[in-house]
Protein backbone atom coordinates (compact mmCIF):
# COMPACT_ATOMS: atom_id res chain seq x y z
CA UNK A 1 -6.97 -26.27 19.96
CA UNK A 2 -3.88 -27.09 17.92
CA UNK A 3 -3.62 -23.55 16.67
CA UNK A 4 -3.74 -22.20 20.26
CA UNK A 5 -1.02 -24.67 21.25
CA UNK A 6 1.13 -23.55 18.33
CA UNK A 7 0.60 -19.89 19.17
CA UNK A 8 1.46 -20.56 22.82
CA UNK A 9 4.63 -22.28 21.60
CA UNK A 10 5.42 -19.25 19.36
CA UNK A 11 4.84 -16.75 22.17
CA UNK A 12 7.24 -18.71 24.31
CA UNK A 13 9.97 -17.81 21.77
CA UNK A 14 8.74 -14.28 20.87
CA UNK A 15 8.44 -13.10 24.45
CA UNK A 16 12.07 -13.71 25.42
CA UNK A 17 13.95 -10.56 26.34
CA UNK A 18 16.21 -10.80 23.34
CA UNK A 19 13.46 -11.23 20.77
CA UNK A 20 11.33 -8.48 22.41
CA UNK A 21 14.27 -6.14 22.02
CA UNK A 22 14.76 -6.98 18.33
CA UNK A 23 11.05 -6.69 17.71
CA UNK A 24 11.03 -3.16 19.33
CA UNK A 25 14.07 -2.12 17.30
CA UNK A 26 12.40 -3.28 14.04
CA UNK A 27 9.13 -1.48 14.81
CA UNK A 28 10.90 1.82 15.70
CA UNK A 29 13.20 1.70 12.69
CA UNK A 30 10.27 0.76 10.42
CA UNK A 31 8.17 3.64 11.66
CA UNK A 32 10.99 6.17 11.14
CA UNK A 33 11.65 4.77 7.66
CA UNK A 34 7.96 5.13 6.82
CA UNK A 35 8.00 8.78 7.98
CA UNK A 36 10.91 9.83 5.77
CA UNK A 37 9.85 10.69 2.16
CA UNK A 38 11.14 8.31 -0.45
CA UNK A 39 12.68 5.80 1.86
CA UNK A 40 11.04 2.46 2.56
CA UNK A 41 11.44 -1.02 3.98
CA UNK A 42 13.09 -2.36 0.82
CA UNK A 43 16.08 -0.03 1.01
CA UNK A 44 16.37 -0.33 4.77
CA UNK A 45 16.24 -4.14 4.89
CA UNK A 46 18.79 -4.32 2.06
CA UNK A 47 21.17 -2.07 4.09
CA UNK A 48 20.66 -4.06 7.29
CA UNK A 49 20.81 -7.51 5.66
CA UNK A 50 24.54 -7.95 6.37
CA UNK A 51 23.81 -7.53 10.09
CA UNK A 52 21.92 -10.78 10.07
CA UNK A 53 25.28 -12.65 10.00
CA UNK A 54 26.02 -11.47 13.58
CA UNK A 55 22.47 -11.53 15.00
CA UNK A 56 20.76 -14.68 16.26
CA UNK A 57 18.49 -16.24 13.67
CA UNK A 58 15.15 -15.65 15.43
CA UNK A 59 16.03 -12.11 16.45
CA UNK A 60 17.27 -11.16 12.93
CA UNK A 61 14.09 -12.40 11.22
CA UNK A 62 11.88 -10.77 13.85
CA UNK A 63 13.69 -7.46 13.48
CA UNK A 64 13.52 -7.46 9.62
CA UNK A 65 9.85 -8.40 9.73
CA UNK A 66 9.22 -5.54 12.23
CA UNK A 67 10.88 -3.07 9.89
CA UNK A 68 8.54 -4.14 7.07
CA UNK A 69 5.22 -3.96 8.84
CA UNK A 70 6.32 -1.04 11.01
CA UNK A 71 6.97 0.99 7.89
CA UNK A 72 3.36 0.54 6.82
CA UNK A 73 2.15 2.70 9.71
CA UNK A 74 4.90 5.29 9.21
CA UNK A 75 3.83 5.54 5.59
CA UNK A 76 0.33 6.54 6.64
CA UNK A 77 1.63 9.33 8.97
CA UNK A 78 3.56 11.06 6.24
CA UNK A 79 0.70 10.61 3.74
CA UNK A 80 -1.94 11.92 6.15
CA UNK A 81 0.01 14.84 7.54
CA UNK A 82 2.06 16.04 4.60
CA UNK A 83 0.40 14.27 1.57
CA UNK A 84 3.71 12.61 0.85
CA UNK A 85 2.99 8.91 0.22
CA UNK A 86 4.97 5.73 -0.23
CA UNK A 87 3.67 3.00 -2.53
CA UNK A 88 1.57 1.46 0.25
CA UNK A 89 -0.04 4.71 1.46
CA UNK A 90 -1.16 6.42 -1.79
CA UNK A 91 -4.86 6.05 -0.90
CA UNK A 92 -4.22 7.58 2.55
CA UNK A 93 -3.55 10.86 0.80
CA UNK A 94 -7.15 11.13 -0.33
CA UNK A 95 -9.31 11.20 2.84
CA UNK A 96 -6.42 11.35 5.35
CA UNK A 97 -5.07 14.55 3.95
CA UNK A 98 -8.54 16.02 3.65
CA UNK A 99 -9.02 15.39 7.36
CA UNK A 100 -5.75 17.17 8.05
CA UNK A 101 -6.98 20.22 6.13
CA UNK A 102 -10.13 20.19 8.23
CA UNK A 103 -8.14 20.19 11.48
CA UNK A 104 -8.80 16.53 12.23
CA UNK A 105 -5.25 15.20 11.90
CA UNK A 106 -5.25 13.68 15.31
CA UNK A 107 -8.37 11.72 14.61
CA UNK A 108 -7.02 10.60 11.19
CA UNK A 109 -3.77 9.34 12.74
CA UNK A 110 -5.61 7.60 15.58
CA UNK A 111 -7.85 5.94 13.03
CA UNK A 112 -4.87 4.78 11.01
CA UNK A 113 -3.17 3.44 14.15
CA UNK A 114 -6.14 1.51 15.60
CA UNK A 115 -7.17 0.23 12.15
CA UNK A 116 -3.65 -0.99 11.50
CA UNK A 117 -3.80 -2.87 14.81
CA UNK A 118 -7.11 -4.52 13.80
CA UNK A 119 -5.79 -5.37 10.36
CA UNK A 120 -2.63 -6.85 11.75
CA UNK A 121 -4.49 -8.91 14.33
CA UNK A 122 -6.91 -10.35 11.77
CA UNK A 123 -4.06 -11.18 9.43
CA UNK A 124 -2.08 -12.92 12.17
CA UNK A 125 -5.08 -15.15 12.88
CA UNK A 126 -5.30 -15.94 9.14
CA UNK A 127 -1.58 -16.52 8.97
CA UNK A 128 -1.62 -18.89 11.94
CA UNK A 129 -4.64 -20.90 10.91
CA UNK A 130 -4.62 -20.98 7.11
CA UNK A 131 -0.91 -20.66 6.09
CA UNK A 132 -0.57 -24.17 4.68
CA UNK A 133 -3.94 -24.19 2.93
CA UNK A 134 -3.75 -20.62 1.60
CA UNK A 135 -0.30 -21.31 0.18
CA UNK A 136 -1.92 -24.01 -1.98
CA UNK A 137 -4.70 -21.60 -3.08
CA UNK A 138 -2.05 -19.11 -4.32
CA UNK A 139 -0.55 -21.86 -6.49
CA UNK A 140 -3.91 -22.25 -8.24
CA UNK A 141 -3.56 -18.81 -9.89
CA UNK A 142 -1.95 -18.84 -13.32
CA UNK A 143 -0.91 -15.86 -15.53
CA UNK A 144 -4.33 -15.68 -17.14
CA UNK A 145 -5.97 -15.55 -13.68
CA UNK A 146 -3.68 -12.80 -12.52
CA UNK A 147 -4.32 -10.87 -15.75
CA UNK A 148 -8.07 -10.97 -15.16
CA UNK A 149 -7.58 -10.03 -11.53
CA UNK A 150 -5.58 -6.99 -12.41
CA UNK A 151 -8.13 -6.07 -15.09
CA UNK A 152 -10.75 -6.07 -12.32
CA UNK A 153 -8.46 -3.70 -10.45
CA UNK A 154 -8.58 -1.30 -13.38
CA UNK A 155 -12.37 -1.30 -13.28
CA UNK A 156 -12.20 -0.25 -9.62
CA UNK A 157 -10.85 3.11 -10.77
CA UNK A 158 -14.40 4.53 -10.57
CA UNK A 159 -14.27 4.05 -6.80
CA UNK A 160 -10.69 5.31 -6.30
CA UNK A 161 -11.12 8.59 -8.14
CA UNK A 162 -12.64 11.64 -6.39
CA UNK A 163 -13.66 13.19 -9.69
CA UNK A 164 -15.66 11.96 -12.61
CA UNK A 165 -15.33 8.38 -13.95
CA UNK A 166 -14.11 9.63 -17.32
CA UNK A 167 -11.33 11.74 -15.76
CA UNK A 168 -10.39 8.77 -13.57
CA UNK A 169 -10.12 6.42 -16.47
CA UNK A 170 -8.09 8.94 -18.45
CA UNK A 171 -5.62 9.39 -15.57
CA UNK A 172 -5.41 5.63 -15.17
CA UNK A 173 -4.45 5.28 -18.84
CA UNK A 174 -1.80 7.99 -18.40
CA UNK A 175 -0.42 5.92 -15.58
CA UNK A 176 -0.33 2.82 -17.83
CA UNK A 177 1.61 4.77 -20.45
CA UNK A 178 4.11 6.02 -17.85
CA UNK A 179 4.54 2.50 -16.56
CA UNK A 180 5.46 1.25 -20.05
CA UNK A 181 8.46 3.61 -20.32
CA UNK A 182 11.79 1.76 -20.41
CA UNK A 183 13.24 -1.35 -22.02
CA UNK A 184 10.86 -4.15 -22.94
CA UNK A 185 11.96 -7.26 -21.01
CA UNK A 186 11.00 -9.74 -23.74
CA UNK A 187 12.01 -7.97 -26.95
CA UNK A 188 14.73 -5.69 -25.59
CA UNK A 189 13.25 -2.70 -27.41
CA UNK A 190 13.24 0.71 -25.81
CA UNK A 191 9.84 2.34 -25.39
CA UNK A 192 9.18 6.06 -24.95
CA UNK A 193 12.74 6.67 -23.78
CA UNK A 194 13.51 9.48 -26.34
CA UNK A 195 17.10 8.09 -26.39
CA UNK A 196 17.62 9.30 -22.80
CA UNK A 197 19.82 6.78 -20.95
CA UNK A 198 18.26 7.30 -17.53
CA UNK A 199 14.82 6.33 -18.92
CA UNK A 200 16.07 2.94 -20.13
CA UNK A 201 15.15 1.32 -16.78
CA UNK A 202 11.83 3.10 -16.70
CA UNK A 203 10.43 5.72 -14.31
CA UNK A 204 10.69 4.96 -10.62
CA UNK A 205 7.62 4.60 -8.49
CA UNK A 206 9.20 6.82 -5.81
CA UNK A 207 9.72 9.63 -8.35
CA UNK A 208 6.11 9.49 -9.57
CA UNK A 209 4.61 9.26 -6.06
CA UNK A 210 6.71 12.05 -4.49
CA UNK A 211 6.33 14.26 -7.54
CA UNK A 212 2.56 13.94 -8.22
CA UNK A 213 1.64 14.07 -4.54
CA UNK A 214 4.36 15.61 -2.32
CA UNK A 215 6.00 18.25 -4.54
CA UNK A 216 2.74 18.98 -6.30
CA UNK A 217 1.04 19.67 -2.98
CA UNK A 218 3.86 21.95 -1.85
CA UNK A 219 3.73 23.90 -5.10
CA UNK A 220 -0.10 24.21 -4.87
CA UNK A 221 0.18 25.52 -1.28
CA UNK A 222 2.76 28.08 -2.22
CA UNK A 223 0.63 29.20 -5.13
CA UNK A 224 -2.34 29.70 -2.80
CA UNK A 225 -0.48 32.43 -0.83
CA UNK A 226 -2.27 31.55 2.37
CA UNK A 227 -1.12 30.37 5.77
CA UNK A 228 -1.73 26.70 6.37
CA UNK A 229 -2.63 25.60 9.88
CA UNK A 230 -4.04 22.09 9.97
CA UNK A 231 -4.79 22.27 13.62
CA UNK A 232 -4.81 24.85 16.41
CA UNK A 233 -5.14 24.53 20.14
CA UNK A 234 -5.85 21.11 21.56
CA UNK A 235 -5.48 18.03 19.47
CA UNK A 236 -8.61 15.90 19.44
CA UNK A 237 -7.12 12.49 19.36
CA UNK A 238 -9.83 10.13 20.73
CA UNK A 239 -12.86 9.65 18.55
CA UNK A 240 -16.39 9.91 19.79
CA UNK A 241 -18.46 6.72 20.18
CA UNK A 242 -20.25 7.49 16.92
CA UNK A 243 -16.91 7.93 15.12
CA UNK A 244 -15.52 4.78 16.69
CA UNK A 245 -18.51 2.78 15.44
CA UNK A 246 -17.64 4.04 11.93
CA UNK A 247 -14.04 2.87 12.18
CA UNK A 248 -14.70 -0.77 13.20
CA UNK A 249 -16.78 -2.02 10.18
CA UNK A 250 -14.45 -0.29 7.71
CA UNK A 251 -11.34 -1.73 9.43
CA UNK A 252 -12.81 -5.24 9.44
CA UNK A 253 -13.66 -5.02 5.71
CA UNK A 254 -10.11 -3.73 4.99
CA UNK A 255 -8.64 -6.50 7.06
CA UNK A 256 -10.49 -9.16 5.06
CA UNK A 257 -9.48 -7.65 1.76
CA UNK A 258 -5.81 -7.19 2.79
CA UNK A 259 -5.56 -10.63 4.30
CA UNK A 260 -6.68 -12.18 0.97
CA UNK A 261 -4.74 -9.97 -1.45
CA UNK A 262 -1.58 -10.22 0.65
CA UNK A 263 -1.42 -13.92 -0.17
CA UNK A 264 -1.41 -13.48 -3.93
CA UNK A 265 1.93 -12.90 -5.68
CA UNK A 266 1.99 -9.36 -7.02
CA UNK A 267 -0.68 -8.29 -4.55
CA UNK A 268 0.38 -7.02 -1.15
CA UNK A 269 -0.25 -3.65 0.44
CA UNK A 270 -0.17 -1.67 -2.78
CA UNK A 271 -3.19 -3.33 -4.42
CA UNK A 272 -4.94 -4.05 -1.10
CA UNK A 273 -5.29 -0.37 -0.21
CA UNK A 274 -7.05 0.38 -3.53
CA UNK A 275 -9.29 -2.62 -3.24
CA UNK A 276 -10.31 -1.78 0.35
CA UNK A 277 -11.02 1.81 -0.60
CA UNK A 278 -13.09 0.74 -3.56
CA UNK A 279 -15.10 -1.66 -1.35
CA UNK A 280 -15.80 1.05 1.27
CA UNK A 281 -16.85 3.57 -1.36
CA UNK A 282 -19.45 1.03 -2.55
CA UNK A 283 -20.86 -0.60 0.62
CA UNK A 284 -20.26 1.92 3.39
CA UNK A 285 -23.19 3.73 4.94
CA UNK A 286 -21.20 6.91 4.58
CA UNK A 287 -19.95 6.30 1.05
CA UNK A 288 -21.07 9.76 -0.09
CA UNK A 289 -18.52 11.33 2.25
CA UNK A 290 -15.59 9.21 1.15
CA UNK A 291 -13.21 11.26 -0.91
CA UNK A 292 -13.79 14.46 1.12
CA UNK A 293 -12.34 13.50 4.48
CA UNK A 294 -14.29 10.47 5.74
CA UNK A 295 -13.02 8.21 8.53
CA UNK A 296 -13.78 5.12 6.42
CA UNK A 297 -11.35 6.34 3.73
CA UNK A 298 -8.55 6.11 6.32
CA UNK A 299 -9.63 3.05 8.31
CA UNK A 300 -10.18 0.64 5.46
CA UNK A 301 -6.96 1.27 3.62
CA UNK A 302 -4.84 1.32 6.79
CA UNK A 303 -6.30 -2.04 7.90
CA UNK A 304 -5.77 -3.55 4.44
CA UNK A 305 -2.32 -2.20 4.18
CA UNK A 306 -1.22 -3.74 7.52
CA UNK A 307 -3.08 -7.07 6.92
CA UNK A 308 -1.52 -7.51 3.50
CA UNK A 309 1.95 -6.87 4.96
CA UNK A 310 1.43 -9.79 7.38
CA UNK A 311 -0.19 -12.29 5.06
CA UNK A 312 2.46 -11.68 2.37
CA UNK A 313 4.64 -13.93 4.53
CA UNK A 314 2.35 -16.94 3.72
CA UNK A 315 3.66 -17.66 0.18
CA UNK A 316 7.24 -17.22 1.38
CA UNK A 317 7.04 -19.49 4.46
CA UNK A 318 4.58 -22.09 3.08
CA UNK A 319 5.68 -22.56 -0.53
CA UNK A 320 8.98 -20.69 -0.68
CA UNK A 321 7.88 -18.08 -3.21
CA UNK A 322 8.46 -14.40 -2.36
CA UNK A 323 5.53 -12.29 -3.62
CA UNK A 324 7.28 -8.90 -3.65
CA UNK A 325 10.82 -7.45 -3.45
CA UNK A 326 10.70 -7.09 0.33
CA UNK A 327 9.75 -10.77 0.70
CA UNK A 328 12.65 -11.59 -1.66
CA UNK A 329 15.01 -9.89 0.81
CA UNK A 330 13.39 -11.77 3.65
CA UNK A 331 13.99 -14.99 1.79
CA UNK A 332 17.65 -13.99 1.41
CA UNK A 333 17.79 -13.54 5.21
CA UNK A 334 16.32 -17.02 5.70
CA UNK A 335 18.88 -18.51 3.34
CA UNK A 336 21.74 -16.61 4.96
CA UNK A 337 20.75 -18.33 8.18
CA UNK A 338 20.73 -21.73 6.45
CA UNK A 339 16.91 -22.05 6.35
CA UNK A 340 15.04 -22.83 3.12
CA UNK A 341 11.53 -21.35 3.25
CA UNK A 342 8.93 -23.75 1.89
CA UNK A 343 6.51 -26.50 2.79
CA UNK A 344 9.00 -28.14 5.16
CA UNK A 345 9.65 -24.95 7.23
CA UNK A 346 6.70 -25.44 9.60
CA UNK A 347 7.70 -29.00 10.45
CA UNK A 348 11.48 -28.47 10.25
CA UNK A 349 11.72 -25.16 12.10
CA UNK A 350 8.50 -24.77 14.16
CA UNK A 351 10.26 -22.43 16.65
CA UNK A 352 11.12 -19.93 13.90
CA UNK A 353 7.77 -20.14 12.12
CA UNK A 354 5.54 -19.82 15.13
CA UNK A 355 7.95 -17.47 16.91
CA UNK A 356 7.86 -15.13 13.87
CA UNK A 357 4.02 -15.31 13.72
CA UNK A 358 3.67 -14.54 17.41
CA UNK A 359 6.22 -11.70 17.22
CA UNK A 360 3.95 -10.02 14.62
CA UNK A 361 1.24 -9.59 17.23
CA UNK A 362 3.82 -8.39 19.79
CA UNK A 363 4.98 -5.88 17.14
CA UNK A 364 1.35 -4.88 16.64
CA UNK A 365 1.16 -3.91 20.34
CA UNK A 366 4.51 -2.11 20.15
CA UNK A 367 3.24 -0.02 17.19
CA UNK A 368 0.09 1.03 19.00
CA UNK A 369 1.92 1.91 22.17
CA UNK A 370 4.67 3.75 20.26
CA UNK A 371 2.55 5.64 17.72
CA UNK A 372 -0.89 6.45 19.12
CA UNK A 373 0.44 8.29 22.26
CA UNK A 374 3.09 9.94 20.10
CA UNK A 375 0.62 11.44 17.64
CA UNK A 376 0.96 14.81 19.32
CA UNK A 377 4.66 14.82 18.59
CA UNK A 378 4.08 13.99 14.91
CA UNK A 379 1.65 16.90 14.72
CA UNK A 380 4.15 19.35 16.28
CA UNK A 381 5.79 19.65 12.86
CA UNK A 382 2.85 21.85 11.82
CA UNK A 383 3.81 24.45 14.37
CA UNK A 384 6.86 25.21 12.23
CA UNK A 385 6.23 28.06 9.82
CA UNK A 386 5.47 26.78 6.37
CA UNK A 387 8.19 28.88 4.74
CA UNK A 388 10.66 26.90 6.94
CA UNK A 389 8.89 23.58 6.67
CA UNK A 390 8.53 23.22 2.89
CA UNK A 391 12.28 23.50 2.08
CA UNK A 392 12.93 20.71 4.64
CA UNK A 393 10.22 18.58 3.01
CA UNK A 394 11.76 19.15 -0.40
CA UNK A 395 15.15 18.24 0.97
CA UNK A 396 13.98 14.97 2.32
CA UNK A 397 12.13 14.24 -0.95
CA UNK A 398 15.36 14.72 -2.82
CA UNK A 399 17.31 12.58 -0.38
CA UNK A 400 14.68 9.86 -0.52
CA UNK A 401 14.58 9.88 -4.33
CA UNK A 402 18.41 9.85 -4.62
CA UNK A 403 18.81 7.02 -2.14
CA UNK A 404 16.91 4.58 -4.34
CA UNK A 405 19.42 4.36 -7.20
CA UNK A 406 22.08 6.97 -6.15
CA UNK A 407 21.27 8.79 -9.37
CA UNK A 408 20.83 12.57 -9.68
CA UNK A 409 18.60 12.05 -12.73
CA UNK A 410 15.94 10.68 -10.39
CA UNK A 411 15.74 14.03 -8.64
CA UNK A 412 15.13 15.86 -11.94
CA UNK A 413 12.48 13.23 -12.88
CA UNK A 414 10.79 13.79 -9.51
CA UNK A 415 10.79 17.56 -10.12
CA UNK A 416 9.22 16.99 -13.53
CA UNK A 417 6.46 14.91 -12.04
CA UNK A 418 5.97 17.58 -9.38
CA UNK A 419 5.20 20.07 -12.11
CA UNK A 420 2.93 17.55 -13.81
CA UNK A 421 1.15 16.90 -10.51
CA UNK A 422 0.68 20.64 -9.98
CA UNK A 423 -0.88 20.82 -13.47
CA UNK A 424 -3.23 17.96 -12.55
CA UNK A 425 -4.24 19.81 -9.38
CA UNK A 426 -5.01 23.00 -11.23
CA UNK A 427 -7.15 21.03 -13.66
CA UNK A 428 -8.96 19.18 -10.82
CA UNK A 429 -7.60 15.87 -11.91
CA UNK A 430 -7.01 13.21 -9.23
CA UNK A 431 -3.55 11.63 -9.27
CA UNK A 432 -4.57 8.44 -7.41
CA UNK A 433 -5.88 6.64 -10.58
CA UNK A 434 -2.63 7.52 -12.27
CA UNK A 435 -0.73 5.69 -9.58
CA UNK A 436 -3.10 2.73 -9.96
CA UNK A 437 -2.41 2.55 -13.67
CA UNK A 438 1.28 3.02 -13.23
CA UNK A 439 1.54 0.13 -10.70
CA UNK A 440 -0.86 -2.29 -12.37
CA UNK A 441 -0.04 -1.56 -15.99
CA UNK A 442 3.33 -3.33 -16.23
CA UNK A 443 1.97 -6.27 -14.19
CA UNK A 444 -0.99 -6.58 -16.50
CA UNK A 445 1.22 -6.62 -19.55
CA UNK A 446 3.60 -9.22 -18.06
CA UNK A 447 0.85 -11.66 -17.07
CA UNK A 448 -0.93 -11.07 -20.39
CA UNK A 449 2.16 -12.05 -22.35
CA UNK A 450 2.79 -15.08 -20.14
CA UNK A 451 -0.77 -16.32 -20.59
CA UNK A 452 -0.51 -16.04 -24.41
CA UNK A 453 2.86 -17.77 -24.42
CA UNK A 454 1.55 -20.68 -22.40
CA UNK A 455 -1.63 -20.92 -24.55
CA UNK A 456 0.36 -20.51 -27.85
CA UNK A 457 -1.46 -17.36 -28.72
CA UNK A 458 -4.95 -18.56 -27.91
CA UNK A 459 -7.16 -15.93 -26.18
CA UNK A 460 -9.59 -18.59 -25.06
CA UNK A 461 -7.34 -19.31 -22.03
CA UNK A 462 -8.83 -16.27 -20.40
CA UNK A 463 -12.33 -17.74 -20.59
CA UNK A 464 -11.68 -21.47 -20.28
CA UNK A 465 -9.69 -21.21 -16.96
CA UNK A 466 -12.30 -21.21 -14.15
CA UNK A 467 -10.76 -18.46 -12.04
CA UNK A 468 -10.10 -16.16 -14.95
CA UNK A 469 -13.49 -16.80 -16.45
CA UNK A 470 -15.20 -16.13 -13.14
CA UNK A 471 -13.31 -12.80 -12.78
CA UNK A 472 -14.20 -11.77 -16.32
CA UNK A 473 -17.86 -12.60 -15.60
CA UNK A 474 -17.63 -10.39 -12.50
CA UNK A 475 -16.19 -7.59 -14.60
CA UNK A 476 -19.10 -7.95 -17.06
CA UNK A 477 -21.58 -7.63 -14.23
CA UNK A 478 -19.71 -4.59 -12.94
CA UNK A 479 -19.85 -2.90 -16.35
CA UNK A 480 -23.56 -3.60 -16.83
CA UNK A 481 -24.19 -2.36 -13.29
CA UNK A 482 -22.30 0.89 -13.94
CA UNK A 483 -24.07 1.38 -17.26
CA UNK A 484 -27.51 0.94 -15.72
CA UNK A 485 -26.63 3.39 -12.91
CA UNK A 486 -25.43 5.87 -15.53
CA UNK A 487 -28.64 5.63 -17.52
CA UNK A 488 -30.80 5.95 -14.44
CA UNK A 489 -29.02 9.11 -13.41
CA UNK A 490 -29.33 10.68 -16.90
CA UNK A 491 -32.79 12.31 -16.20
CA UNK A 492 -31.50 13.84 -12.99
CA UNK A 493 -28.44 15.28 -14.75
CA UNK A 494 -30.65 16.73 -17.44
CA UNK A 495 -32.97 18.29 -14.86
CA UNK A 496 -30.01 19.76 -12.98
CA UNK A 497 -28.55 21.20 -16.20
CA UNK A 498 -31.85 22.79 -17.24
CA UNK A 499 -32.40 24.37 -13.85
CA UNK A 500 -28.91 25.85 -13.81
């Protein structure tokens, strides 16, 4: 009953005309930011941060939060329709884009929209009921625990890849190598920079994502010399009852995964989408279809993406620790307004805390109302001839890449990864595991070094810590399971090879 009273108190603040307006502005801006290649909530919030000086405290925080979780849905739209992802929508490129190629773009976008609503709703319930407790759980994770958790993420590569496990692991290792480019933070040594100044800070995630997915897809389509028409005639937006029944379980699983991983520092939407996709590919009734345009491949990752965006506010508002760069900017907005996020925020500023939580559900409704009915307008871009469309896409890719660091070298880097992505496509190598390795590799190295520093070089810390030891035991079970499955399938592969 106390939670309901707190939410009713929060809705009393969130449903004022002023806060509704700021929430709507944040959702619209966030969606547009997500649609534009290369841009994202981090750059947008940083640009709009000075405006918080002149905007009322509640409205400013609600607007910035709306930009963040609104961008998650916009990310999915660009990934599904044009195979141009942001960091939080890489997995959407797999099944979402396959559905586009099969003329089911409307269904894919509807699935992403309704799954995002489910994920956001579940996460808000978690945020409202478990924020103080889950903040303490996040504090229990040490460097060794995070290292083992990320290692488990690497072993999920067999579920993320659409090709063979060996190819997936190889691409994952390529991503790890790319992620290690730049200056080592601890020793100050340059690694794999070839004495090129623009590589001293490493390769940008935006350059790798846009190159290996967006530009590579454009190059592959131009090489195919065929007219692309993802849909024709009427747009089938609403799913059938059978399709809707496939969306709900996957969205609920993704919501649970995203709600949990969003709490952990270093987690958030990026890792949540991979974890939700891996889970669906293992437990779904339609797991054999995932990777070739299955609804579950869109629903699970969209729900996890949106849920993780909401629950990532828990460490910030309950213990005062931002878990990703966007939350760091949100913390700056709190401090600008004279509010210190942390354990005392709920008791010291209940109107802001519960008002922000309630506004997230209001924003959820705004996103559904804004985006699901407007799917037909998003799809109208495909009525433009492709020889006119692809230069515009390349232009926005260049603008998005340049806007990150205002550096022309980033554009050339993106072009290089575009050629590399095209080579991967011709060799039937999936780029999604590469992105997984690129994102998790530097994090793994950082937590590994921290763990060894704290243990004075003793590797036993990874086994003696209960959380880390439990995760390593789970990895061992996973490896044995995969090995047994491989050995069982060996006779069938031999029979297939002999018959061919």
